Amino acid sequence: MNKFQLEQNKAFKLANDLKQGGKARIGQAGAEKADRREQRKLDQTKGLVPFACKLDEKLVKQLKERAEGNEGGMTEVLAELLVKAGLER
């Protein structure tokens, strides 16, 4: 590779990092990824599965307010509400 190609690769990497969340690979960005991986493994051992859906903005605001006062966060609040609605764990 010549110098131009090396610089071009650096530019592509930087552009990709910015697209992925605005953070370049400096310092804590690598540590955050490791923490996410560890958390994902812990969730999998608990039998938790990621589940995405679209909700009304007002409902999300109410859920966030409830989750602030709950130790388990959003996941626990949603689980409690689903159990109360008649769905079982």
N, C-alpha and C. Protein backbone atom coordinates (compact mmCIF):
# COMPACT_ATOMS: atom_id res chain seq x y z
N MET A 1 0.83 -1.19 0.00
CA MET A 1 0.00 0.00 0.00
C MET A 1 0.88 1.25 0.00
N ASN A 2 0.46 2.21 -0.73
CA ASN A 2 1.19 3.48 -0.71
C ASN A 2 0.57 4.42 0.32
N LYS A 3 1.19 5.54 0.53
CA LYS A 3 0.75 6.48 1.56
C LYS A 3 -0.69 6.95 1.31
N PHE A 4 -1.04 7.17 0.06
CA PHE A 4 -2.39 7.63 -0.27
C PHE A 4 -3.43 6.59 0.18
N GLN A 5 -3.17 5.32 -0.10
CA GLN A 5 -4.12 4.27 0.27
C GLN A 5 -4.24 4.13 1.78
N LEU A 6 -3.14 4.30 2.52
CA LEU A 6 -3.19 4.25 3.98
C LEU A 6 -4.04 5.39 4.53
N GLU A 7 -3.83 6.58 4.01
CA GLU A 7 -4.62 7.73 4.46
C GLU A 7 -6.10 7.55 4.08
N GLN A 8 -6.35 6.98 2.94
CA GLN A 8 -7.72 6.74 2.50
C GLN A 8 -8.41 5.75 3.44
N ASN A 9 -7.70 4.70 3.83
CA ASN A 9 -8.26 3.72 4.78
C ASN A 9 -8.56 4.37 6.13
N LYS A 10 -7.67 5.24 6.59
CA LYS A 10 -7.91 5.95 7.84
C LYS A 10 -9.19 6.79 7.74
N ALA A 11 -9.37 7.45 6.62
CA ALA A 11 -10.55 8.29 6.41
C ALA A 11 -11.82 7.44 6.40
N PHE A 12 -11.76 6.27 5.75
CA PHE A 12 -12.93 5.38 5.73
C PHE A 12 -13.27 4.90 7.14
N LYS A 13 -12.25 4.55 7.92
CA LYS A 13 -12.48 4.10 9.30
C LYS A 13 -13.09 5.22 10.14
N LEU A 14 -12.57 6.42 9.99
CA LEU A 14 -13.10 7.55 10.74
C LEU A 14 -14.55 7.83 10.36
N ALA A 15 -14.85 7.81 9.07
CA ALA A 15 -16.21 8.06 8.60
C ALA A 15 -17.15 6.98 9.14
N ASN A 16 -16.71 5.74 9.15
CA ASN A 16 -17.54 4.66 9.66
C ASN A 16 -17.79 4.82 11.16
N ASP A 17 -16.75 5.18 11.91
CA ASP A 17 -16.91 5.41 13.34
C ASP A 17 -17.92 6.52 13.61
N LEU A 18 -17.85 7.58 12.83
CA LEU A 18 -18.79 8.69 13.01
C LEU A 18 -20.21 8.27 12.69
N LYS A 19 -20.39 7.43 11.68
CA LYS A 19 -21.72 6.93 11.33
C LYS A 19 -22.28 6.05 12.44
N GLN A 20 -21.41 5.30 13.11
CA GLN A 20 -21.83 4.34 14.12
C GLN A 20 -22.25 5.00 15.43
N GLY A 21 -21.93 6.24 15.64
CA GLY A 21 -22.38 6.87 16.86
C GLY A 21 -21.63 8.12 17.22
N GLY A 22 -20.84 8.60 16.34
CA GLY A 22 -20.16 9.85 16.59
C GLY A 22 -18.92 9.74 17.45
N LYS A 23 -18.51 8.52 17.81
CA LYS A 23 -17.33 8.37 18.65
C LYS A 23 -16.26 7.66 17.87
N ALA A 24 -15.09 8.22 17.87
CA ALA A 24 -13.94 7.55 17.24
C ALA A 24 -13.38 6.54 18.23
N ARG A 25 -12.48 5.70 17.78
CA ARG A 25 -11.91 4.67 18.64
C ARG A 25 -10.84 5.26 19.53
N ILE A 26 -11.24 6.04 20.49
CA ILE A 26 -10.29 6.66 21.40
C ILE A 26 -10.71 6.32 22.82
N GLY A 27 -9.79 5.80 23.59
CA GLY A 27 -10.02 5.59 25.01
C GLY A 27 -11.16 4.67 25.36
N GLN A 28 -12.26 5.24 25.82
CA GLN A 28 -13.35 4.46 26.38
C GLN A 28 -14.20 3.74 25.36
N ALA A 29 -14.14 4.08 24.12
CA ALA A 29 -14.99 3.43 23.12
C ALA A 29 -14.76 1.93 23.11
N GLY A 30 -13.52 1.49 23.23
CA GLY A 30 -13.22 0.07 23.28
C GLY A 30 -13.74 -0.58 24.56
N ALA A 31 -13.65 0.14 25.67
CA ALA A 31 -14.13 -0.38 26.95
C ALA A 31 -15.64 -0.54 26.94
N GLU A 32 -16.35 0.38 26.31
CA GLU A 32 -17.80 0.30 26.25
C GLU A 32 -18.25 -0.94 25.49
N LYS A 33 -17.55 -1.26 24.41
CA LYS A 33 -17.91 -2.45 23.64
C LYS A 33 -17.75 -3.70 24.47
N ALA A 34 -16.68 -3.79 25.25
CA ALA A 34 -16.46 -4.96 26.10
C ALA A 34 -17.57 -5.07 27.13
N ASP A 35 -17.98 -3.95 27.72
CA ASP A 35 -19.05 -3.97 28.71
C ASP A 35 -20.36 -4.44 28.09
N ARG A 36 -20.63 -4.01 26.88
CA ARG A 36 -21.86 -4.44 26.19
C ARG A 36 -21.83 -5.93 25.93
N ARG A 37 -20.67 -6.43 25.54
CA ARG A 37 -20.54 -7.88 25.30
C ARG A 37 -20.77 -8.66 26.58
N GLU A 38 -20.17 -8.20 27.66
CA GLU A 38 -20.35 -8.87 28.94
C GLU A 38 -21.82 -8.83 29.36
N GLN A 39 -22.46 -7.69 29.18
CA GLN A 39 -23.86 -7.56 29.55
C GLN A 39 -24.73 -8.48 28.70
N ARG A 40 -24.42 -8.59 27.42
CA ARG A 40 -25.15 -9.47 26.53
C ARG A 40 -25.04 -10.93 26.98
N LYS A 41 -23.83 -11.32 27.39
CA LYS A 41 -23.63 -12.69 27.88
C LYS A 41 -24.41 -12.94 29.16
N LEU A 42 -24.40 -11.96 30.07
CA LEU A 42 -25.17 -12.09 31.31
C LEU A 42 -26.66 -12.20 31.02
N ASP A 43 -27.15 -11.40 30.09
CA ASP A 43 -28.56 -11.45 29.72
C ASP A 43 -28.91 -12.81 29.12
N GLN A 44 -28.03 -13.35 28.30
CA GLN A 44 -28.30 -14.65 27.69
C GLN A 44 -28.35 -15.75 28.73
N THR A 45 -27.49 -15.69 29.74
CA THR A 45 -27.53 -16.71 30.79
C THR A 45 -28.80 -16.62 31.61
N LYS A 46 -29.38 -15.42 31.71
CA LYS A 46 -30.65 -15.24 32.41
C LYS A 46 -31.84 -15.64 31.55
N GLY A 47 -31.59 -15.90 30.27
CA GLY A 47 -32.67 -16.26 29.36
C GLY A 47 -33.36 -15.06 28.74
N LEU A 48 -32.72 -13.90 28.81
CA LEU A 48 -33.31 -12.69 28.25
C LEU A 48 -33.01 -12.60 26.76
N VAL A 49 -33.99 -12.14 26.01
CA VAL A 49 -33.87 -12.02 24.57
C VAL A 49 -34.20 -10.58 24.18
N PRO A 50 -33.40 -9.93 23.32
CA PRO A 50 -33.73 -8.57 22.88
C PRO A 50 -35.05 -8.56 22.12
N PHE A 51 -35.86 -7.54 22.40
CA PHE A 51 -37.17 -7.44 21.77
C PHE A 51 -37.45 -5.97 21.49
N ALA A 52 -37.59 -5.63 20.23
CA ALA A 52 -37.81 -4.24 19.85
C ALA A 52 -39.23 -4.05 19.33
N CYS A 53 -39.81 -2.91 19.66
CA CYS A 53 -41.14 -2.57 19.12
C CYS A 53 -41.27 -1.05 19.08
N LYS A 54 -42.27 -0.59 18.40
CA LYS A 54 -42.52 0.85 18.29
C LYS A 54 -43.71 1.20 19.18
N LEU A 55 -43.50 2.23 20.01
CA LEU A 55 -44.54 2.66 20.95
C LEU A 55 -44.79 4.15 20.79
N ASP A 56 -45.95 4.56 21.25
CA ASP A 56 -46.33 5.97 21.24
C ASP A 56 -45.38 6.76 22.16
N GLU A 57 -45.07 7.97 21.76
CA GLU A 57 -44.12 8.80 22.49
C GLU A 57 -44.55 9.05 23.93
N LYS A 58 -45.83 9.29 24.16
CA LYS A 58 -46.34 9.53 25.52
C LYS A 58 -46.17 8.29 26.39
N LEU A 59 -46.43 7.13 25.82
CA LEU A 59 -46.28 5.88 26.55
C LEU A 59 -44.81 5.63 26.92
N VAL A 60 -43.91 5.91 26.01
CA VAL A 60 -42.48 5.74 26.29
C VAL A 60 -42.04 6.67 27.41
N LYS A 61 -42.55 7.88 27.42
CA LYS A 61 -42.22 8.83 28.48
C LYS A 61 -42.68 8.30 29.83
N GLN A 62 -43.89 7.75 29.89
CA GLN A 62 -44.40 7.17 31.13
C GLN A 62 -43.56 5.98 31.57
N LEU A 63 -43.17 5.15 30.62
CA LEU A 63 -42.34 4.00 30.95
C LEU A 63 -40.98 4.42 31.50
N LYS A 64 -40.38 5.44 30.89
CA LYS A 64 -39.09 5.93 31.37
C LYS A 64 -39.20 6.48 32.78
N GLU A 65 -40.29 7.20 33.08
CA GLU A 65 -40.49 7.73 34.42
C GLU A 65 -40.62 6.60 35.44
N ARG A 66 -41.35 5.54 35.07
CA ARG A 66 -41.48 4.39 35.96
C ARG A 66 -40.14 3.68 36.15
N ALA A 67 -39.37 3.58 35.09
CA ALA A 67 -38.10 2.86 35.14
C ALA A 67 -37.07 3.58 36.00
N GLU A 68 -37.17 4.90 36.11
CA GLU A 68 -36.22 5.65 36.93
C GLU A 68 -36.26 5.21 38.38
N GLY A 69 -37.43 4.90 38.88
CA GLY A 69 -37.58 4.51 40.28
C GLY A 69 -37.46 3.01 40.51
N ASN A 70 -37.15 2.25 39.49
CA ASN A 70 -37.07 0.80 39.61
C ASN A 70 -35.63 0.34 39.48
N GLU A 71 -35.21 -0.59 40.36
CA GLU A 71 -33.84 -1.10 40.33
C GLU A 71 -33.51 -1.79 39.01
N GLY A 72 -34.45 -2.57 38.50
CA GLY A 72 -34.21 -3.36 37.30
C GLY A 72 -34.28 -2.57 36.01
N GLY A 73 -34.63 -1.31 36.11
CA GLY A 73 -34.70 -0.47 34.93
C GLY A 73 -35.88 -0.78 34.04
N MET A 74 -35.73 -0.43 32.78
CA MET A 74 -36.81 -0.57 31.81
C MET A 74 -37.23 -2.03 31.63
N THR A 75 -36.27 -2.93 31.61
CA THR A 75 -36.57 -4.34 31.40
C THR A 75 -37.50 -4.86 32.48
N GLU A 76 -37.19 -4.56 33.72
CA GLU A 76 -38.00 -5.05 34.83
C GLU A 76 -39.40 -4.41 34.83
N VAL A 77 -39.47 -3.13 34.52
CA VAL A 77 -40.77 -2.44 34.47
C VAL A 77 -41.66 -3.08 33.41
N LEU A 78 -41.10 -3.30 32.22
CA LEU A 78 -41.89 -3.92 31.15
C LEU A 78 -42.32 -5.33 31.52
N ALA A 79 -41.43 -6.09 32.16
CA ALA A 79 -41.78 -7.44 32.57
C ALA A 79 -42.93 -7.42 33.57
N GLU A 80 -42.87 -6.53 34.55
CA GLU A 80 -43.93 -6.41 35.54
C GLU A 80 -45.27 -6.07 34.89
N LEU A 81 -45.25 -5.11 33.98
CA LEU A 81 -46.48 -4.69 33.32
C LEU A 81 -47.07 -5.82 32.48
N LEU A 82 -46.22 -6.57 31.79
CA LEU A 82 -46.71 -7.68 30.98
C LEU A 82 -47.30 -8.79 31.84
N VAL A 83 -46.69 -9.03 33.00
CA VAL A 83 -47.23 -10.05 33.91
C VAL A 83 -48.59 -9.59 34.45
N LYS A 84 -48.70 -8.31 34.80
CA LYS A 84 -49.97 -7.76 35.29
C LYS A 84 -51.05 -7.84 34.20
N ALA A 85 -50.64 -7.73 32.95
CA ALA A 85 -51.59 -7.76 31.83
C ALA A 85 -52.08 -9.18 31.56
N GLY A 86 -51.49 -10.15 32.22
CA GLY A 86 -51.96 -11.52 32.04
C GLY A 86 -50.97 -12.42 31.30
N LEU A 87 -49.85 -11.89 30.92
CA LEU A 87 -48.83 -12.71 30.29
C LEU A 87 -47.93 -13.27 31.39
N GLU A 88 -47.53 -14.52 31.25
CA GLU A 88 -46.72 -15.16 32.28
C GLU A 88 -45.26 -15.15 31.92
N ARG A 89 -44.44 -15.22 32.95
CA ARG A 89 -42.99 -15.31 32.74
C ARG A 89 -42.61 -16.72 32.45
